[in-house]
PDB file of N, CA and C in Angstrom:
ATOM      1  N   MET A   1     -34.000 128.612 261.587  1.00  0.00           N
ATOM      2  CA  MET A   1     -34.993 127.631 261.437  1.00  0.00           C
ATOM      3  C   MET A   1     -34.751 126.695 262.757  1.00  0.00           C
ATOM      4  N   THR A   2     -35.857 126.496 263.460  1.00  0.00           N
ATOM      5  CA  THR A   2     -35.768 125.698 264.579  1.00  0.00           C
ATOM      6  C   THR A   2     -35.918 124.177 264.343  1.00  0.00           C
ATOM      7  N   GLN A   3     -35.330 123.452 265.109  1.00  0.00           N
ATOM      8  CA  GLN A   3     -35.334 121.959 264.845  1.00  0.00           C
ATOM      9  C   GLN A   3     -36.780 121.397 265.541  1.00  0.00           C
ATOM     10  N   SER A   4     -37.348 120.644 264.697  1.00  0.00           N
ATOM     11  CA  SER A   4     -38.690 120.022 265.214  1.00  0.00           C
ATOM     12  C   SER A   4     -38.284 118.935 266.311  1.00  0.00           C
ATOM     13  N   ARG A   5     -39.269 118.860 267.289  1.00  0.00           N
ATOM     14  CA  ARG A   5     -39.102 117.724 268.379  1.00  0.00           C
ATOM     15  C   ARG A   5     -38.788 116.531 267.694  1.00  0.00           C
ATOM     16  N   GLU A   6     -39.430 116.035 266.593  1.00  0.00           N
ATOM     17  CA  GLU A   6     -39.197 114.691 266.062  1.00  0.00           C
ATOM     18  C   GLU A   6     -37.667 114.556 265.680  1.00  0.00           C
ATOM     19  N   ASP A   7     -37.133 115.650 264.874  1.00  0.00           N
ATOM     20  CA  ASP A   7     -35.812 115.667 264.625  1.00  0.00           C
ATOM     21  C   ASP A   7     -34.867 115.660 265.750  1.00  0.00           C
ATOM     22  N   LEU A   8     -35.185 116.462 266.929  1.00  0.00           N
ATOM     23  CA  LEU A   8     -34.452 116.448 267.916  1.00  0.00           C
ATOM     24  C   LEU A   8     -34.260 114.992 268.628  1.00  0.00           C
ATOM     25  N   ILE A   9     -35.430 114.377 268.752  1.00  0.00           N
ATOM     26  CA  ILE A   9     -35.495 112.999 269.413  1.00  0.00           C
ATOM     27  C   ILE A   9     -34.736 112.044 268.489  1.00  0.00           C
ATOM     28  N   LYS A  10     -34.842 112.105 267.209  1.00  0.00           N
ATOM     29  CA  LYS A  10     -34.018 111.381 266.321  1.00  0.00           C
ATOM     30  C   LYS A  10     -32.616 111.551 266.609  1.00  0.00           C
ATOM     31  N   GLU A  11     -32.141 112.764 266.459  1.00  0.00           N
ATOM     32  CA  GLU A  11     -30.721 113.167 266.679  1.00  0.00           C
ATOM     33  C   GLU A  11     -30.142 112.720 267.918  1.00  0.00           C
ATOM     34  N   LEU A  12     -30.760 112.840 269.076  1.00  0.00           N
ATOM     35  CA  LEU A  12     -30.319 112.412 270.346  1.00  0.00           C
ATOM     36  C   LEU A  12     -30.206 110.942 270.459  1.00  0.00           C
ATOM     37  N   ILE A  13     -31.200 110.290 269.878  1.00  0.00           N
ATOM     38  CA  ILE A  13     -31.034 108.685 269.960  1.00  0.00           C
ATOM     39  C   ILE A  13     -29.949 108.230 269.014  1.00  0.00           C
ATOM     40  N   ALA A  14     -29.846 108.778 267.760  1.00  0.00           N
ATOM     41  CA  ALA A  14     -28.767 108.375 266.939  1.00  0.00           C
ATOM     42  C   ALA A  14     -27.374 108.816 267.324  1.00  0.00           C
ATOM     43  N   THR A  15     -27.337 109.732 268.132  1.00  0.00           N
ATOM     44  CA  THR A  15     -26.041 110.217 268.530  1.00  0.00           C
ATOM     45  C   THR A  15     -25.413 109.120 269.570  1.00  0.00           C
ATOM     46  N   GLU A  16     -26.350 108.412 270.328  1.00  0.00           N
ATOM     47  CA  GLU A  16     -25.919 107.524 271.296  1.00  0.00           C
ATOM     48  C   GLU A  16     -26.022 106.064 270.968  1.00  0.00           C
ATOM     49  N   ILE A  17     -26.937 105.720 270.054  1.00  0.00           N
ATOM     50  CA  ILE A  17     -27.162 104.378 269.547  1.00  0.00           C
ATOM     51  C   ILE A  17     -26.990 104.336 268.038  1.00  0.00           C
ATOM     52  N   PRO A  18     -26.092 103.525 267.533  1.00  0.00           N
ATOM     53  CA  PRO A  18     -25.811 103.427 265.959  1.00  0.00           C
ATOM     54  C   PRO A  18     -27.209 102.826 265.399  1.00  0.00           C
ATOM     55  N   CYS A  19     -27.860 103.538 264.618  1.00  0.00           N
ATOM     56  CA  CYS A  19     -29.054 103.139 264.142  1.00  0.00           C
ATOM     57  C   CYS A  19     -28.898 102.768 262.607  1.00  0.00           C
ATOM     58  N   GLU A  20     -29.574 101.637 262.373  1.00  0.00           N
ATOM     59  CA  GLU A  20     -29.643 101.320 260.903  1.00  0.00           C
ATOM     60  C   GLU A  20     -30.775 101.985 260.257  1.00  0.00           C
ATOM     61  N   PHE A  21     -31.802 102.195 261.061  1.00  0.00           N
ATOM     62  CA  PHE A  21     -33.071 102.942 260.640  1.00  0.00           C
ATOM     63  C   PHE A  21     -33.635 103.548 261.938  1.00  0.00           C
ATOM     64  N   ILE A  22     -34.177 104.829 261.701  1.00  0.00           N
ATOM     65  CA  ILE A  22     -34.904 105.545 262.794  1.00  0.00           C
ATOM     66  C   ILE A  22     -36.031 106.286 262.239  1.00  0.00           C
ATOM     67  N   TYR A  23     -37.207 106.290 262.748  1.00  0.00           N
ATOM     68  CA  TYR A  23     -38.273 107.138 262.363  1.00  0.00           C
ATOM     69  C   TYR A  23     -39.004 107.642 263.564  1.00  0.00           C
ATOM     70  N   VAL A  24     -39.376 108.830 263.566  1.00  0.00           N
ATOM     71  CA  VAL A  24     -39.985 109.516 264.774  1.00  0.00           C
ATOM     72  C   VAL A  24     -41.159 110.216 264.129  1.00  0.00           C
ATOM     73  N   GLU A  25     -42.323 110.228 264.775  1.00  0.00           N
ATOM     74  CA  GLU A  25     -43.515 110.963 264.446  1.00  0.00           C
ATOM     75  C   GLU A  25     -44.191 111.437 265.617  1.00  0.00           C
ATOM     76  N   GLY A  26     -44.868 112.441 265.585  1.00  0.00           N
ATOM     77  CA  GLY A  26     -45.603 112.920 266.616  1.00  0.00           C
ATOM     78  C   GLY A  26     -46.413 114.110 266.516  1.00  0.00           C
ATOM     79  N   ASP A  27     -47.069 114.614 267.620  1.00  0.00           N
ATOM     80  CA  ASP A  27     -48.006 115.811 267.598  1.00  0.00           C
ATOM     81  C   ASP A  27     -47.330 116.892 268.410  1.00  0.00           C
ATOM     82  N   GLY A  28     -46.225 116.811 268.802  1.00  0.00           N
ATOM     83  CA  GLY A  28     -45.545 118.054 269.722  1.00  0.00           C
ATOM     84  C   GLY A  28     -45.289 117.497 271.110  1.00  0.00           C
ATOM     85  N   THR A  29     -46.080 116.618 271.670  1.00  0.00           N
ATOM     86  CA  THR A  29     -45.807 116.049 273.004  1.00  0.00           C
ATOM     87  C   THR A  29     -45.919 114.501 273.088  1.00  0.00           C
ATOM     88  N   HIS A  30     -46.832 113.872 272.104  1.00  0.00           N
ATOM     89  CA  HIS A  30     -46.893 112.490 271.969  1.00  0.00           C
ATOM     90  C   HIS A  30     -46.052 111.982 270.797  1.00  0.00           C
ATOM     91  N   PHE A  31     -45.196 111.104 270.974  1.00  0.00           N
ATOM     92  CA  PHE A  31     -44.453 110.474 269.823  1.00  0.00           C
ATOM     93  C   PHE A  31     -44.448 109.036 269.765  1.00  0.00           C
ATOM     94  N   PHE A  32     -44.011 108.630 268.471  1.00  0.00           N
ATOM     95  CA  PHE A  32     -43.949 107.262 268.263  1.00  0.00           C
ATOM     96  C   PHE A  32     -42.546 107.086 267.469  1.00  0.00           C
ATOM     97  N   ALA A  33     -41.741 106.057 267.868  1.00  0.00           N
ATOM     98  CA  ALA A  33     -40.427 105.868 267.215  1.00  0.00           C
ATOM     99  C   ALA A  33     -40.322 104.439 266.862  1.00  0.00           C
ATOM    100  N   THR A  34     -39.769 104.322 265.603  1.00  0.00           N
ATOM    101  CA  THR A  34     -39.226 102.953 265.194  1.00  0.00           C
ATOM    102  C   THR A  34     -37.653 103.041 265.136  1.00  0.00           C
ATOM    103  N   ILE A  35     -36.985 102.201 265.851  1.00  0.00           N
ATOM    104  CA  ILE A  35     -35.618 102.260 266.011  1.00  0.00           C
ATOM    105  C   ILE A  35     -35.119 100.871 265.661  1.00  0.00           C
ATOM    106  N   VAL A  36     -34.134 100.708 264.698  1.00  0.00           N
ATOM    107  CA  VAL A  36     -33.559  99.507 264.226  1.00  0.00           C
ATOM    108  C   VAL A  36     -32.036  99.682 264.515  1.00  0.00           C
ATOM    109  N   SER A  37     -31.518  98.967 265.323  1.00  0.00           N
ATOM    110  CA  SER A  37     -29.931  98.811 265.728  1.00  0.00           C
ATOM    111  C   SER A  37     -29.472  97.512 266.170  1.00  0.00           C
ATOM    112  N   GLU A  38     -28.269  97.325 265.875  1.00  0.00           N
ATOM    113  CA  GLU A  38     -27.535  96.183 266.364  1.00  0.00           C
ATOM    114  C   GLU A  38     -27.267  96.116 267.786  1.00  0.00           C
ATOM    115  N   ALA A  39     -27.302  97.447 268.269  1.00  0.00           N
ATOM    116  CA  ALA A  39     -27.145  97.601 269.864  1.00  0.00           C
ATOM    117  C   ALA A  39     -28.261  97.062 270.563  1.00  0.00           C
ATOM    118  N   PHE A  40     -29.302  96.617 270.028  1.00  0.00           N
ATOM    119  CA  PHE A  40     -30.343  95.895 270.648  1.00  0.00           C
ATOM    120  C   PHE A  40     -30.322  94.381 270.681  1.00  0.00           C
ATOM    121  N   THR A  41     -29.472  93.826 270.007  1.00  0.00           N
ATOM    122  CA  THR A  41     -29.015  92.356 269.999  1.00  0.00           C
ATOM    123  C   THR A  41     -28.771  91.770 271.363  1.00  0.00           C
ATOM    124  N   GLY A  42     -29.516  90.887 271.749  1.00  0.00           N
ATOM    125  CA  GLY A  42     -29.311  90.076 273.020  1.00  0.00           C
ATOM    126  C   GLY A  42     -30.004  90.808 274.175  1.00  0.00           C
ATOM    127  N   LYS A  43     -30.759  91.972 273.850  1.00  0.00           N
ATOM    128  CA  LYS A  43     -31.393  92.715 274.913  1.00  0.00           C
ATOM    129  C   LYS A  43     -32.837  92.457 274.891  1.00  0.00           C
ATOM    130  N   ARG A  44     -33.388  92.388 276.106  1.00  0.00           N
ATOM    131  CA  ARG A  44     -34.979  92.240 276.130  1.00  0.00           C
ATOM    132  C   ARG A  44     -35.581  93.565 275.962  1.00  0.00           C
ATOM    133  N   LEU A  45     -36.875  93.597 275.564  1.00  0.00           N
ATOM    134  CA  LEU A  45     -37.590  94.665 275.216  1.00  0.00           C
ATOM    135  C   LEU A  45     -37.406  95.846 276.234  1.00  0.00           C
ATOM    136  N   ILE A  46     -37.701  95.419 277.563  1.00  0.00           N
ATOM    137  CA  ILE A  46     -37.638  96.635 278.494  1.00  0.00           C
ATOM    138  C   ILE A  46     -36.155  97.162 278.535  1.00  0.00           C
ATOM    139  N   GLN A  47     -34.990  96.312 278.253  1.00  0.00           N
ATOM    140  CA  GLN A  47     -33.644  96.871 278.232  1.00  0.00           C
ATOM    141  C   GLN A  47     -33.403  97.863 277.076  1.00  0.00           C
ATOM    142  N   ARG A  48     -34.117  97.551 276.087  1.00  0.00           N
ATOM    143  CA  ARG A  48     -34.143  98.454 274.754  1.00  0.00           C
ATOM    144  C   ARG A  48     -34.608  99.607 275.033  1.00  0.00           C
ATOM    145  N   HIS A  49     -35.911  99.627 275.578  1.00  0.00           N
ATOM    146  CA  HIS A  49     -36.760 100.978 275.953  1.00  0.00           C
ATOM    147  C   HIS A  49     -35.786 101.790 276.962  1.00  0.00           C
ATOM    148  N   GLN A  50     -35.236 101.081 278.116  1.00  0.00           N
ATOM    149  CA  GLN A  50     -34.523 101.746 279.082  1.00  0.00           C
ATOM    150  C   GLN A  50     -33.366 102.506 278.318  1.00  0.00           C
ATOM    151  N   MET A  51     -32.713 101.890 277.293  1.00  0.00           N
ATOM    152  CA  MET A  51     -31.629 102.522 276.740  1.00  0.00           C
ATOM    153  C   MET A  51     -32.185 103.837 276.086  1.00  0.00           C
ATOM    154  N   VAL A  52     -33.166 103.786 275.431  1.00  0.00           N
ATOM    155  CA  VAL A  52     -33.727 105.050 274.783  1.00  0.00           C
ATOM    156  C   VAL A  52     -34.120 106.194 275.868  1.00  0.00           C
ATOM    157  N   TYR A  53     -34.879 105.644 276.977  1.00  0.00           N
ATOM    158  CA  TYR A  53     -35.333 106.551 277.971  1.00  0.00           C
ATOM    159  C   TYR A  53     -34.143 107.244 278.554  1.00  0.00           C
ATOM    160  N   GLU A  54     -33.041 106.422 278.827  1.00  0.00           N
ATOM    161  CA  GLU A  54     -31.913 107.100 279.432  1.00  0.00           C
ATOM    162  C   GLU A  54     -31.270 108.206 278.591  1.00  0.00           C
ATOM    163  N   ILE A  55     -31.353 108.131 277.326  1.00  0.00           N
ATOM    164  CA  ILE A  55     -30.797 109.064 276.271  1.00  0.00           C
ATOM    165  C   ILE A  55     -31.620 110.320 276.329  1.00  0.00           C
ATOM    166  N   LEU A  56     -32.952 110.202 276.435  1.00  0.00           N
ATOM    167  CA  LEU A  56     -33.834 111.328 276.479  1.00  0.00           C
ATOM    168  C   LEU A  56     -33.881 111.916 277.685  1.00  0.00           C
ATOM    169  N   GLY A  57     -33.498 111.317 278.716  1.00  0.00           N
ATOM    170  CA  GLY A  57     -33.477 111.757 280.226  1.00  0.00           C
ATOM    171  C   GLY A  57     -34.579 112.746 280.627  1.00  0.00           C
ATOM    172  N   ASP A  58     -34.264 114.001 281.083  1.00  0.00           N
ATOM    173  CA  ASP A  58     -35.200 114.908 281.539  1.00  0.00           C
ATOM    174  C   ASP A  58     -36.259 115.319 280.542  1.00  0.00           C
ATOM    175  N   ARG A  59     -36.092 115.214 279.189  1.00  0.00           N
ATOM    176  CA  ARG A  59     -37.023 115.637 278.205  1.00  0.00           C
ATOM    177  C   ARG A  59     -38.202 114.764 278.440  1.00  0.00           C
ATOM    178  N   MET A  60     -38.143 113.572 278.948  1.00  0.00           N
ATOM    179  CA  MET A  60     -39.365 112.698 279.067  1.00  0.00           C
ATOM    180  C   MET A  60     -40.193 113.174 280.290  1.00  0.00           C
ATOM    181  N   LYS A  61     -39.671 114.066 281.014  1.00  0.00           N
ATOM    182  CA  LYS A  61     -40.452 114.758 281.970  1.00  0.00           C
ATOM    183  C   LYS A  61     -41.072 116.083 281.693  1.00  0.00           C
ATOM    184  N   GLU A  62     -40.479 116.622 280.752  1.00  0.00           N
ATOM    185  CA  GLU A  62     -40.875 117.878 280.398  1.00  0.00           C
ATOM    186  C   GLU A  62     -41.346 118.103 278.926  1.00  0.00           C
ATOM    187  N   GLU A  63     -40.617 118.010 278.137  1.00  0.00           N
ATOM    188  CA  GLU A  63     -41.048 118.146 276.588  1.00  0.00           C
ATOM    189  C   GLU A  63     -41.788 116.939 275.929  1.00  0.00           C
ATOM    190  N   ILE A  64     -41.513 115.802 276.337  1.00  0.00           N
ATOM    191  CA  ILE A  64     -42.005 114.692 275.880  1.00  0.00           C
ATOM    192  C   ILE A  64     -43.019 114.039 276.740  1.00  0.00           C
ATOM    193  N   HIS A  65     -44.488 114.064 276.601  1.00  0.00           N
ATOM    194  CA  HIS A  65     -45.442 113.617 277.271  1.00  0.00           C
ATOM    195  C   HIS A  65     -45.411 112.155 277.360  1.00  0.00           C
ATOM    196  N   ALA A  66     -45.376 111.630 276.095  1.00  0.00           N
ATOM    197  CA  ALA A  66     -45.476 110.139 275.844  1.00  0.00           C
ATOM    198  C   ALA A  66     -44.623 109.750 274.552  1.00  0.00           C
ATOM    199  N   LEU A  67     -43.985 108.571 274.721  1.00  0.00           N
ATOM    200  CA  LEU A  67     -43.225 107.824 273.697  1.00  0.00           C
ATOM    201  C   LEU A  67     -43.477 106.481 273.562  1.00  0.00           C
ATOM    202  N   SER A  68     -44.073 106.023 272.403  1.00  0.00           N
ATOM    203  CA  SER A  68     -44.216 104.708 272.128  1.00  0.00           C
ATOM    204  C   SER A  68     -43.240 104.269 271.259  1.00  0.00           C
ATOM    205  N   MET A  69     -42.701 103.090 271.458  1.00  0.00           N
ATOM    206  CA  MET A  69     -41.529 102.623 270.729  1.00  0.00           C
ATOM    207  C   MET A  69     -41.685 101.292 270.022  1.00  0.00           C
ATOM    208  N   THR A  70     -41.069 101.054 268.973  1.00  0.00           N
ATOM    209  CA  THR A  70     -40.873  99.734 268.321  1.00  0.00           C
ATOM    210  C   THR A  70     -39.292  99.573 268.142  1.00  0.00           C
ATOM    211  N   THR A  71     -38.592  98.710 268.956  1.00  0.00           N
ATOM    212  CA  THR A  71     -37.107  98.711 269.058  1.00  0.00           C
ATOM    213  C   THR A  71     -36.830  97.320 268.366  1.00  0.00           C
ATOM    214  N   LEU A  72     -36.072  97.306 267.300  1.00  0.00           N
ATOM    215  CA  LEU A  72     -35.850  96.008 266.646  1.00  0.00           C
ATOM    216  C   LEU A  72     -34.344  95.865 266.355  1.00  0.00           C
ATOM    217  N   THR A  73     -33.777  94.618 266.165  1.00  0.00           N
ATOM    218  CA  THR A  73     -32.554  94.433 265.611  1.00  0.00           C
ATOM    219  C   THR A  73     -32.685  94.488 264.172  1.00  0.00           C
ATOM    220  N   PRO A  74     -31.699  94.490 263.422  1.00  0.00           N
ATOM    221  CA  PRO A  74     -31.764  94.459 261.993  1.00  0.00           C
ATOM    222  C   PRO A  74     -32.401  93.197 261.467  1.00  0.00           C
ATOM    223  N   GLU A  75     -32.040  91.981 262.123  1.00  0.00           N
ATOM    224  CA  GLU A  75     -32.692  90.749 261.713  1.00  0.00           C
ATOM    225  C   GLU A  75     -34.171  90.790 261.949  1.00  0.00           C
ATOM    226  N   GLU A  76     -34.625  91.159 263.146  1.00  0.00           N
ATOM    227  CA  GLU A  76     -36.108  91.325 263.606  1.00  0.00           C
ATOM    228  C   GLU A  76     -36.771  92.286 262.526  1.00  0.00           C
ATOM    229  N   HIS A  77     -36.138  93.301 262.078  1.00  0.00           N
ATOM    230  CA  HIS A  77     -36.652  94.191 261.125  1.00  0.00           C
ATOM    231  C   HIS A  77     -36.829  93.637 259.798  1.00  0.00           C
ATOM    232  N   LYS A  78     -35.956  92.905 259.305  1.00  0.00           N
ATOM    233  CA  LYS A  78     -35.898  92.212 258.066  1.00  0.00           C
ATOM    234  C   LYS A  78     -37.075  91.107 258.187  1.00  0.00           C
ATOM    235  N   ALA A  79     -37.377  90.336 259.148  1.00  0.00           N
ATOM    236  CA  ALA A  79     -38.213  89.353 259.310  1.00  0.00           C
ATOM    237  C   ALA A  79     -39.552  89.976 259.328  1.00  0.00           C
ATOM    238  N   LYS A  80     -39.762  91.159 259.831  1.00  0.00           N
ATOM    239  CA  LYS A  80     -40.929  91.754 259.980  1.00  0.00           C
ATOM    240  C   LYS A  80     -41.463  92.483 258.611  1.00  0.00           C
ATOM    241  N   GLN A  81     -40.446  92.819 257.704  1.00  0.00           N
ATOM    242  CA  GLN A  81     -40.802  93.218 256.609  1.00  0.00           C
ATOM    243  C   GLN A  81     -41.268  92.243 255.634  1.00  0.00           C
ATOM    244  N   GLY A  82     -40.993  90.947 255.960  1.00  0.00           N
ATOM    245  CA  GLY A  82     -41.626  89.876 255.146  1.00  0.00           C
ATOM    246  C   GLY A  82     -40.572  89.207 254.376  1.00  0.00           C
TER     247      GLY A  82
END
């Protein structure tokens, strides 16, 4: 059984960033990810996204055409939940 791209993206991110929650969905080339991690604490949005893009590396040039992200700290995620 082959691994879906969504699962591969989740695995790559979770291997490098300790995630409290991670969800990835997509259509094979365009993806959306929600990532919740303490590692984002004190970082600006651009820094958080750069962390993820660095992990995905060359896959962003070849396999992944587009990736939209919501990157949150656990506190931000809790506040967003209401």
